[in-house]
Protein backbone atom coordinates (compact mmCIF):
# COMPACT_ATOMS: atom_id res chain seq x y z
CA MET A 1 -2.46 1.33 44.22
CA ARG A 2 -3.83 0.99 40.69
CA ILE A 3 -5.97 -2.00 39.84
CA LYS A 4 -5.28 -3.53 36.44
CA ASN A 5 -7.93 -5.38 34.43
CA ARG A 6 -10.85 -4.20 36.47
CA VAL A 7 -13.77 -6.57 36.16
CA ARG A 8 -17.16 -5.16 35.26
CA VAL A 9 -20.35 -7.10 35.66
CA ILE A 10 -23.28 -6.81 33.29
CA ILE A 11 -26.53 -8.46 34.29
CA PHE A 12 -28.97 -9.30 31.51
CA ASP A 13 -32.48 -9.76 32.83
CA ILE A 14 -34.43 -11.63 30.16
CA GLY A 15 -38.07 -12.55 30.64
CA PHE A 16 -39.74 -15.52 28.97
CA GLY A 17 -43.41 -15.85 29.82
CA GLY A 18 -43.02 -14.69 33.40
CA VAL A 19 -39.79 -16.60 34.03
CA ARG A 20 -36.82 -14.32 34.69
CA ILE A 21 -33.37 -15.53 33.75
CA LYS A 22 -30.35 -13.53 34.85
CA HIS A 23 -27.09 -13.87 32.99
CA ILE A 24 -24.03 -12.48 34.68
CA ILE A 25 -21.15 -11.70 32.37
CA MET A 26 -17.83 -10.52 33.69
CA LEU A 27 -16.02 -8.14 31.37
CA ASN A 28 -12.55 -6.65 31.48
CA ASP A 29 -11.38 -3.43 29.79
CA GLU A 30 -10.51 -5.25 26.56
CA ASP A 31 -14.04 -6.67 26.34
CA ILE A 32 -15.55 -3.23 26.93
CA THR A 33 -13.36 -1.76 24.17
CA LYS A 34 -14.55 -4.47 21.75
CA LEU A 35 -18.19 -3.80 22.63
CA ILE A 36 -17.77 -0.06 22.10
CA GLY A 37 -16.40 -0.82 18.63
CA VAL A 38 -19.44 -2.94 17.76
CA PHE A 39 -22.26 -0.69 18.96
CA THR A 40 -23.18 2.52 17.16
CA THR A 41 -23.37 5.94 18.73
CA ARG A 42 -26.44 8.16 18.68
CA GLU A 43 -24.87 10.35 16.02
CA GLU A 44 -24.19 7.32 13.82
CA MET A 45 -27.77 6.14 14.27
CA LYS A 46 -29.14 9.58 13.34
CA GLU A 47 -26.97 9.57 10.21
CA MET A 48 -28.16 6.08 9.24
CA VAL A 49 -31.82 6.99 9.75
CA ALA A 50 -31.39 10.19 7.74
CA ASN A 51 -30.16 8.13 4.76
CA LEU A 52 -33.14 5.75 4.77
CA THR A 53 -35.69 5.87 2.00
CA THR A 54 -38.76 7.83 2.98
CA LYS A 55 -42.34 6.87 2.28
CA LYS A 56 -42.54 9.71 -0.26
CA ASP A 57 -39.49 8.37 -2.11
CA PHE A 58 -41.06 4.92 -2.23
CA ASN A 59 -44.41 6.29 -3.42
CA ASP A 60 -42.68 8.31 -6.16
CA LEU A 61 -40.85 5.21 -7.34
CA GLN A 62 -44.04 3.15 -7.28
CA THR A 63 -45.85 5.83 -9.31
CA SER A 64 -43.05 5.83 -11.89
CA VAL A 65 -43.11 2.04 -12.21
CA ASP A 66 -46.92 2.03 -12.54
CA SER A 67 -46.72 4.71 -15.24
CA TYR A 68 -44.12 2.73 -17.16
CA ALA A 69 -46.21 -0.47 -16.83
CA LYS A 70 -49.29 1.29 -18.25
CA LYS A 71 -47.28 2.63 -21.21
CA ALA A 72 -45.76 -0.79 -21.87
CA ASP A 73 -49.20 -2.42 -21.67
CA ALA A 74 -50.66 0.11 -24.13
CA TYR A 75 -47.72 -0.49 -26.48
CA PHE A 76 -48.11 -4.27 -26.41
CA GLN A 77 -51.89 -3.97 -26.87
CA GLU A 78 -51.27 -1.80 -29.93
CA MET A 79 -48.70 -4.26 -31.32
CA LEU A 80 -51.16 -7.12 -30.76
CA GLY A 81 -53.86 -5.15 -32.59
CA ILE A 82 -51.55 -4.43 -35.53
CA LYS A 83 -50.48 -8.07 -35.67
CA LEU A 84 -54.12 -9.26 -35.71
CA GLU A 85 -54.95 -6.89 -38.57
CA TYR A 86 -52.43 -8.54 -40.89
């Protein structure tokens, strides 16, 4: 005999300052399929983490922006000096 729509129970044990609250959720196969579609797999997580900006990338960008800011500041200082001369 095959059982259709088996019921699975998930117990969430959440602690708030020493108080434990247990939530019991009854899920059928359709609910499990929906949850699988929402959560990512380990491979997907590895791929997402691999595409994140590294600290080196951020430092390189920050160095470039600082360099540009210094050049722009020197340019505006020079323009101010030329303007004051006339």
